[in-house]
């Protein structure tokens, strides 16, 4: 996880250097309620195993440790498109019914289903309130926690594919530096996971979240 945090900080440093002309820089931290709709998993538990295909109704469990959260940096310019970077630590648990059908004892992306994107933002000011939207493209690097029945446990971070996010929100200015916000956020990622002993797992993970957070502007 440390290397991914360093990657995110590096991206922020590059953006800060290149966008030093921004009217303001905003750092936001948020949590909320996150769910993950059904998606199909396909693959093999190992190089010699039978092919599996199972529809999984993922569980988000937002408030179970480690909790769901996100961090975002935005570089605002008046009356222009704005840019930023964002990290989200989401989660997806496969329920026991899907585990048995697919031939797994354990299948989770809970530490977590991590997504980094570079965003384009737009906001509309209304006094102390602002509405905003954003769209981002980036990568997924979940912590894979997968144990096929009778197989070898995969327990590691992996780069699994491209990711995107979109959000629509409302913020309220508290003073010159601080504001609070709430938003709806959607993410999607295409994940191709390598399992131990030659196995594989492919799935598209989606998340829906209602976030609340605080921002610091400088």
C-alpha atoms as a PDB file:
ATOM      1  CA  UNK A   1       0.000   0.000   0.000  1.00  0.00           C
ATOM      2  CA  UNK A   2       2.910   2.369   0.710  1.00  0.00           C
ATOM      3  CA  UNK A   3       4.028   2.352  -2.934  1.00  0.00           C
ATOM      4  CA  UNK A   4       0.527   3.262  -4.126  1.00  0.00           C
ATOM      5  CA  UNK A   5       0.351   6.146  -1.644  1.00  0.00           C
ATOM      6  CA  UNK A   6       3.730   7.304  -2.960  1.00  0.00           C
ATOM      7  CA  UNK A   7       2.400   7.082  -6.528  1.00  0.00           C
ATOM      8  CA  UNK A   8      -0.602   9.221  -5.597  1.00  0.00           C
ATOM      9  CA  UNK A   9       1.630  11.796  -3.867  1.00  0.00           C
ATOM     10  CA  UNK A  10       3.905  11.860  -6.923  1.00  0.00           C
ATOM     11  CA  UNK A  11       0.922  12.570  -9.191  1.00  0.00           C
ATOM     12  CA  UNK A  12      -0.175  15.378  -6.868  1.00  0.00           C
ATOM     13  CA  UNK A  13       3.335  16.845  -6.922  1.00  0.00           C
ATOM     14  CA  UNK A  14       3.384  16.842 -10.737  1.00  0.00           C
ATOM     15  CA  UNK A  15      -0.024  18.487 -10.869  1.00  0.00           C
ATOM     16  CA  UNK A  16       0.929  21.054  -8.232  1.00  0.00           C
ATOM     17  CA  UNK A  17       4.048  21.999 -10.206  1.00  0.00           C
ATOM     18  CA  UNK A  18       2.298  22.244 -13.561  1.00  0.00           C
ATOM     19  CA  UNK A  19      -0.860  23.916 -12.259  1.00  0.00           C
ATOM     20  CA  UNK A  20       0.670  26.436  -9.872  1.00  0.00           C
ATOM     21  CA  UNK A  21      -1.263  29.117 -11.751  1.00  0.00           C
ATOM     22  CA  UNK A  22      -4.566  27.708 -10.423  1.00  0.00           C
ATOM     23  CA  UNK A  23      -6.878  30.136  -8.625  1.00  0.00           C
ATOM     24  CA  UNK A  24      -7.072  27.694  -5.720  1.00  0.00           C
ATOM     25  CA  UNK A  25      -6.119  24.151  -4.750  1.00  0.00           C
ATOM     26  CA  UNK A  26      -8.614  22.021  -2.843  1.00  0.00           C
ATOM     27  CA  UNK A  27      -7.838  18.859  -0.851  1.00  0.00           C
ATOM     28  CA  UNK A  28     -10.907  16.767  -0.017  1.00  0.00           C
ATOM     29  CA  UNK A  29     -11.370  13.746   2.246  1.00  0.00           C
ATOM     30  CA  UNK A  30     -14.585  11.743   2.295  1.00  0.00           C
ATOM     31  CA  UNK A  31     -16.340   8.626   3.489  1.00  0.00           C
ATOM     32  CA  UNK A  32     -19.827   7.305   2.968  1.00  0.00           C
ATOM     33  CA  UNK A  33     -21.996   4.365   2.024  1.00  0.00           C
ATOM     34  CA  UNK A  34     -20.676   2.285  -0.881  1.00  0.00           C
ATOM     35  CA  UNK A  35     -22.292  -0.675  -2.617  1.00  0.00           C
ATOM     36  CA  UNK A  36     -21.140  -2.915  -5.451  1.00  0.00           C
ATOM     37  CA  UNK A  37     -23.785  -4.315  -7.839  1.00  0.00           C
ATOM     38  CA  UNK A  38     -23.778  -7.824  -9.300  1.00  0.00           C
ATOM     39  CA  UNK A  39     -21.070  -8.790 -11.765  1.00  0.00           C
ATOM     40  CA  UNK A  40     -19.964 -12.071 -13.320  1.00  0.00           C
ATOM     41  CA  UNK A  41     -16.635 -13.696 -12.437  1.00  0.00           C
ATOM     42  CA  UNK A  42     -14.983 -16.046 -14.924  1.00  0.00           C
ATOM     43  CA  UNK A  43     -11.685 -17.919 -14.987  1.00  0.00           C
ATOM     44  CA  UNK A  44      -9.921 -21.003 -13.632  1.00  0.00           C
ATOM     45  CA  UNK A  45      -8.935 -21.698  -9.995  1.00  0.00           C
ATOM     46  CA  UNK A  46      -5.540 -23.003 -11.237  1.00  0.00           C
ATOM     47  CA  UNK A  47      -3.842 -23.985 -14.492  1.00  0.00           C
ATOM     48  CA  UNK A  48      -5.531 -27.424 -14.523  1.00  0.00           C
ATOM     49  CA  UNK A  49      -8.893 -26.490 -13.008  1.00  0.00           C
ATOM     50  CA  UNK A  50     -12.277 -26.375 -14.692  1.00  0.00           C
ATOM     51  CA  UNK A  51     -13.598 -23.094 -16.055  1.00  0.00           C
ATOM     52  CA  UNK A  52     -16.023 -21.290 -13.731  1.00  0.00           C
ATOM     53  CA  UNK A  53     -18.602 -18.591 -14.435  1.00  0.00           C
ATOM     54  CA  UNK A  54     -20.715 -17.177 -11.620  1.00  0.00           C
ATOM     55  CA  UNK A  55     -22.861 -14.073 -11.075  1.00  0.00           C
ATOM     56  CA  UNK A  56     -21.776 -12.485  -7.779  1.00  0.00           C
ATOM     57  CA  UNK A  57     -23.842 -10.081  -5.686  1.00  0.00           C
ATOM     58  CA  UNK A  58     -20.971  -8.220  -4.046  1.00  0.00           C
ATOM     59  CA  UNK A  59     -21.249  -6.689  -0.575  1.00  0.00           C
ATOM     60  CA  UNK A  60     -19.703  -3.291   0.168  1.00  0.00           C
ATOM     61  CA  UNK A  61     -19.746  -3.293   4.020  1.00  0.00           C
ATOM     62  CA  UNK A  62     -18.640   0.357   4.053  1.00  0.00           C
ATOM     63  CA  UNK A  63     -18.152   0.666   7.808  1.00  0.00           C
ATOM     64  CA  UNK A  64     -16.380  -2.647   8.454  1.00  0.00           C
ATOM     65  CA  UNK A  65     -12.617  -2.286   8.872  1.00  0.00           C
ATOM     66  CA  UNK A  66     -10.919  -1.238   6.712  1.00  0.00           C
ATOM     67  CA  UNK A  67     -13.598   1.398   6.078  1.00  0.00           C
ATOM     68  CA  UNK A  68     -14.489   2.895   2.700  1.00  0.00           C
ATOM     69  CA  UNK A  69     -12.858   6.317   2.068  1.00  0.00           C
ATOM     70  CA  UNK A  70     -11.375   8.594  -0.573  1.00  0.00           C
ATOM     71  CA  UNK A  71      -8.969  11.515  -1.056  1.00  0.00           C
ATOM     72  CA  UNK A  72      -9.137  14.053  -3.878  1.00  0.00           C
ATOM     73  CA  UNK A  73      -7.065  17.051  -5.015  1.00  0.00           C
ATOM     74  CA  UNK A  74      -8.636  19.609  -7.366  1.00  0.00           C
ATOM     75  CA  UNK A  75      -7.007  22.591  -9.066  1.00  0.00           C
ATOM     76  CA  UNK A  76      -9.731  25.197  -9.640  1.00  0.00           C
ATOM     77  CA  UNK A  77      -9.659  27.947 -12.248  1.00  0.00           C
ATOM     78  CA  UNK A  78     -12.535  30.406 -12.691  1.00  0.00           C
ATOM     79  CA  UNK A  79     -14.856  29.714 -15.638  1.00  0.00           C
ATOM     80  CA  UNK A  80     -12.682  26.894 -16.985  1.00  0.00           C
ATOM     81  CA  UNK A  81     -12.464  23.142 -16.927  1.00  0.00           C
ATOM     82  CA  UNK A  82     -10.494  22.082 -13.872  1.00  0.00           C
ATOM     83  CA  UNK A  83      -8.202  19.183 -13.174  1.00  0.00           C
ATOM     84  CA  UNK A  84      -7.289  16.900 -10.303  1.00  0.00           C
ATOM     85  CA  UNK A  85      -6.356  13.464  -9.020  1.00  0.00           C
ATOM     86  CA  UNK A  86      -8.302  11.083  -6.779  1.00  0.00           C
ATOM     87  CA  UNK A  87      -7.763   7.910  -4.760  1.00  0.00           C
ATOM     88  CA  UNK A  88     -10.642   5.718  -3.573  1.00  0.00           C
ATOM     89  CA  UNK A  89     -10.419   2.757  -1.212  1.00  0.00           C
ATOM     90  CA  UNK A  90     -13.616   0.784  -1.977  1.00  0.00           C
ATOM     91  CA  UNK A  91     -14.494  -2.809  -1.060  1.00  0.00           C
ATOM     92  CA  UNK A  92     -16.204  -5.888  -2.503  1.00  0.00           C
ATOM     93  CA  UNK A  93     -16.995  -9.117  -0.636  1.00  0.00           C
ATOM     94  CA  UNK A  94     -18.358 -12.211  -2.407  1.00  0.00           C
ATOM     95  CA  UNK A  95     -21.216 -13.803  -0.376  1.00  0.00           C
ATOM     96  CA  UNK A  96     -21.011 -17.436   0.744  1.00  0.00           C
ATOM     97  CA  UNK A  97     -23.573 -18.646  -1.826  1.00  0.00           C
ATOM     98  CA  UNK A  98     -21.466 -17.356  -4.730  1.00  0.00           C
ATOM     99  CA  UNK A  99     -18.258 -18.718  -3.183  1.00  0.00           C
ATOM    100  CA  UNK A 100     -19.610 -22.260  -3.075  1.00  0.00           C
ATOM    101  CA  UNK A 101     -20.967 -22.128  -6.630  1.00  0.00           C
ATOM    102  CA  UNK A 102     -17.714 -20.761  -8.067  1.00  0.00           C
ATOM    103  CA  UNK A 103     -15.468 -23.061  -6.037  1.00  0.00           C
ATOM    104  CA  UNK A 104     -13.902 -20.563  -3.631  1.00  0.00           C
ATOM    105  CA  UNK A 105     -13.515 -20.566   0.129  1.00  0.00           C
ATOM    106  CA  UNK A 106     -12.734 -16.840   0.117  1.00  0.00           C
ATOM    107  CA  UNK A 107     -12.969 -14.029  -2.441  1.00  0.00           C
ATOM    108  CA  UNK A 108     -12.595 -10.385  -1.412  1.00  0.00           C
ATOM    109  CA  UNK A 109     -11.241  -7.053  -2.585  1.00  0.00           C
ATOM    110  CA  UNK A 110     -11.286  -5.455   0.845  1.00  0.00           C
ATOM    111  CA  UNK A 111      -7.935  -3.829   1.495  1.00  0.00           C
ATOM    112  CA  UNK A 112      -9.285  -2.645  -0.811  1.00  0.00           C
ATOM    113  CA  UNK A 113     -10.606  -2.266  -4.343  1.00  0.00           C
ATOM    114  CA  UNK A 114      -8.274   0.721  -4.844  1.00  0.00           C
ATOM    115  CA  UNK A 115      -8.727   3.174  -7.726  1.00  0.00           C
ATOM    116  CA  UNK A 116      -6.575   6.149  -8.801  1.00  0.00           C
ATOM    117  CA  UNK A 117      -7.854   8.506 -11.510  1.00  0.00           C
ATOM    118  CA  UNK A 118      -6.955  11.816 -13.099  1.00  0.00           C
ATOM    119  CA  UNK A 119     -10.112  13.943 -13.183  1.00  0.00           C
ATOM    120  CA  UNK A 120     -11.699  16.736 -15.177  1.00  0.00           C
ATOM    121  CA  UNK A 121     -13.996  18.896 -12.999  1.00  0.00           C
ATOM    122  CA  UNK A 122     -16.556  21.637 -13.509  1.00  0.00           C
ATOM    123  CA  UNK A 123     -18.356  23.687 -10.846  1.00  0.00           C
ATOM    124  CA  UNK A 124     -21.116  26.260 -10.662  1.00  0.00           C
ATOM    125  CA  UNK A 125     -21.029  28.768  -7.779  1.00  0.00           C
ATOM    126  CA  UNK A 126     -24.210  29.882  -6.003  1.00  0.00           C
ATOM    127  CA  UNK A 127     -23.079  32.116  -3.134  1.00  0.00           C
ATOM    128  CA  UNK A 128     -21.819  29.921  -0.298  1.00  0.00           C
ATOM    129  CA  UNK A 129     -22.930  26.851  -2.249  1.00  0.00           C
ATOM    130  CA  UNK A 130     -21.368  25.224  -5.307  1.00  0.00           C
ATOM    131  CA  UNK A 131     -22.528  22.327  -7.434  1.00  0.00           C
ATOM    132  CA  UNK A 132     -19.913  20.327  -9.305  1.00  0.00           C
ATOM    133  CA  UNK A 133     -19.382  17.350 -11.574  1.00  0.00           C
ATOM    134  CA  UNK A 134     -16.303  15.319 -12.402  1.00  0.00           C
ATOM    135  CA  UNK A 135     -15.141  12.540 -14.696  1.00  0.00           C
ATOM    136  CA  UNK A 136     -11.905  10.590 -14.306  1.00  0.00           C
ATOM    137  CA  UNK A 137      -9.860   7.850 -15.967  1.00  0.00           C
ATOM    138  CA  UNK A 138      -7.173   5.767 -14.292  1.00  0.00           C
ATOM    139  CA  UNK A 139      -6.223   2.368 -12.928  1.00  0.00           C
ATOM    140  CA  UNK A 140      -7.451  -0.266 -10.484  1.00  0.00           C
ATOM    141  CA  UNK A 141      -4.999  -1.943  -8.094  1.00  0.00           C
ATOM    142  CA  UNK A 142      -7.047  -4.033  -5.647  1.00  0.00           C
ATOM    143  CA  UNK A 143      -5.742  -6.124  -2.820  1.00  0.00           C
ATOM    144  CA  UNK A 144      -6.701  -9.600  -4.048  1.00  0.00           C
ATOM    145  CA  UNK A 145      -7.775 -12.001  -1.300  1.00  0.00           C
ATOM    146  CA  UNK A 146      -8.802 -15.189  -3.129  1.00  0.00           C
ATOM    147  CA  UNK A 147      -8.708 -18.811  -1.963  1.00  0.00           C
ATOM    148  CA  UNK A 148     -10.028 -21.491  -4.340  1.00  0.00           C
ATOM    149  CA  UNK A 149     -11.339 -24.573  -2.536  1.00  0.00           C
ATOM    150  CA  UNK A 150      -8.371 -26.875  -2.017  1.00  0.00           C
ATOM    151  CA  UNK A 151      -6.108 -24.386  -3.800  1.00  0.00           C
ATOM    152  CA  UNK A 152      -3.462 -21.774  -2.997  1.00  0.00           C
ATOM    153  CA  UNK A 153      -4.286 -18.459  -1.320  1.00  0.00           C
ATOM    154  CA  UNK A 154      -3.665 -15.310  -3.413  1.00  0.00           C
ATOM    155  CA  UNK A 155      -3.142 -12.423  -0.990  1.00  0.00           C
ATOM    156  CA  UNK A 156      -1.458  -9.454  -2.653  1.00  0.00           C
ATOM    157  CA  UNK A 157      -1.878  -6.112  -4.423  1.00  0.00           C
ATOM    158  CA  UNK A 158      -2.180  -6.308  -8.205  1.00  0.00           C
ATOM    159  CA  UNK A 159      -2.675  -3.916 -11.099  1.00  0.00           C
ATOM    160  CA  UNK A 160      -5.792  -5.411 -12.678  1.00  0.00           C
ATOM    161  CA  UNK A 161      -6.874  -2.992 -15.399  1.00  0.00           C
ATOM    162  CA  UNK A 162      -8.333   0.409 -16.330  1.00  0.00           C
ATOM    163  CA  UNK A 163     -10.892   2.277 -14.236  1.00  0.00           C
ATOM    164  CA  UNK A 164     -13.187   5.292 -14.503  1.00  0.00           C
ATOM    165  CA  UNK A 165     -15.250   7.423 -12.147  1.00  0.00           C
ATOM    166  CA  UNK A 166     -18.015  10.016 -12.362  1.00  0.00           C
ATOM    167  CA  UNK A 167     -19.553  12.145  -9.624  1.00  0.00           C
ATOM    168  CA  UNK A 168     -22.129  14.867  -9.091  1.00  0.00           C
ATOM    169  CA  UNK A 169     -22.130  16.844  -5.843  1.00  0.00           C
ATOM    170  CA  UNK A 170     -22.982  19.910  -3.801  1.00  0.00           C
ATOM    171  CA  UNK A 171     -20.587  21.772  -1.483  1.00  0.00           C
ATOM    172  CA  UNK A 172     -21.089  24.544   1.070  1.00  0.00           C
ATOM    173  CA  UNK A 173     -18.405  27.035   1.990  1.00  0.00           C
ATOM    174  CA  UNK A 174     -17.850  27.405   5.748  1.00  0.00           C
ATOM    175  CA  UNK A 175     -15.114  30.060   5.582  1.00  0.00           C
ATOM    176  CA  UNK A 176     -12.246  31.093   3.302  1.00  0.00           C
ATOM    177  CA  UNK A 177     -10.501  27.745   3.720  1.00  0.00           C
ATOM    178  CA  UNK A 178     -13.005  25.037   4.640  1.00  0.00           C
ATOM    179  CA  UNK A 179     -16.109  23.625   3.001  1.00  0.00           C
ATOM    180  CA  UNK A 180     -18.267  20.527   3.401  1.00  0.00           C
ATOM    181  CA  UNK A 181     -19.804  18.498   0.593  1.00  0.00           C
ATOM    182  CA  UNK A 182     -21.989  15.566  -0.343  1.00  0.00           C
ATOM    183  CA  UNK A 183     -22.012  13.709  -3.651  1.00  0.00           C
ATOM    184  CA  UNK A 184     -23.069  10.656  -5.594  1.00  0.00           C
ATOM    185  CA  UNK A 185     -20.108   8.811  -7.103  1.00  0.00           C
ATOM    186  CA  UNK A 186     -19.933   5.899  -9.558  1.00  0.00           C
ATOM    187  CA  UNK A 187     -16.828   3.872 -10.449  1.00  0.00           C
ATOM    188  CA  UNK A 188     -16.214   1.045 -12.912  1.00  0.00           C
ATOM    189  CA  UNK A 189     -13.126  -1.088 -13.421  1.00  0.00           C
ATOM    190  CA  UNK A 190     -12.137  -3.960 -15.688  1.00  0.00           C
ATOM    191  CA  UNK A 191     -10.218  -6.463 -13.544  1.00  0.00           C
ATOM    192  CA  UNK A 192      -8.050  -9.333 -14.756  1.00  0.00           C
ATOM    193  CA  UNK A 193      -6.600 -11.051 -11.674  1.00  0.00           C
ATOM    194  CA  UNK A 194      -3.750 -13.562 -11.624  1.00  0.00           C
ATOM    195  CA  UNK A 195      -4.291 -16.336  -9.080  1.00  0.00           C
ATOM    196  CA  UNK A 196      -1.571 -18.522  -7.620  1.00  0.00           C
ATOM    197  CA  UNK A 197      -0.682 -21.787  -9.392  1.00  0.00           C
ATOM    198  CA  UNK A 198      -1.712 -20.450 -12.797  1.00  0.00           C
ATOM    199  CA  UNK A 199      -5.319 -19.558 -12.019  1.00  0.00           C
ATOM    200  CA  UNK A 200      -7.229 -16.519 -13.249  1.00  0.00           C
ATOM    201  CA  UNK A 201     -10.262 -14.382 -12.453  1.00  0.00           C
ATOM    202  CA  UNK A 202     -11.894 -11.724 -14.605  1.00  0.00           C
ATOM    203  CA  UNK A 203     -14.712  -9.401 -13.601  1.00  0.00           C
ATOM    204  CA  UNK A 204     -16.043  -5.884 -14.008  1.00  0.00           C
ATOM    205  CA  UNK A 205     -16.475  -4.227 -10.623  1.00  0.00           C
ATOM    206  CA  UNK A 206     -18.941  -1.358 -10.278  1.00  0.00           C
ATOM    207  CA  UNK A 207     -19.530   0.801  -7.223  1.00  0.00           C
ATOM    208  CA  UNK A 208     -22.242   3.248  -6.224  1.00  0.00           C
ATOM    209  CA  UNK A 209     -21.531   5.577  -3.311  1.00  0.00           C
ATOM    210  CA  UNK A 210     -23.106   8.462  -1.451  1.00  0.00           C
ATOM    211  CA  UNK A 211     -20.205  10.423   0.029  1.00  0.00           C
ATOM    212  CA  UNK A 212     -19.887  13.165   2.631  1.00  0.00           C
ATOM    213  CA  UNK A 213     -16.655  14.975   3.331  1.00  0.00           C
ATOM    214  CA  UNK A 214     -14.675  18.089   4.123  1.00  0.00           C
ATOM    215  CA  UNK A 215     -12.389  20.153   1.863  1.00  0.00           C
ATOM    216  CA  UNK A 216      -9.500  22.512   2.598  1.00  0.00           C
ATOM    217  CA  UNK A 217      -8.866  25.285   0.076  1.00  0.00           C
ATOM    218  CA  UNK A 218      -5.635  27.265  -0.270  1.00  0.00           C
END
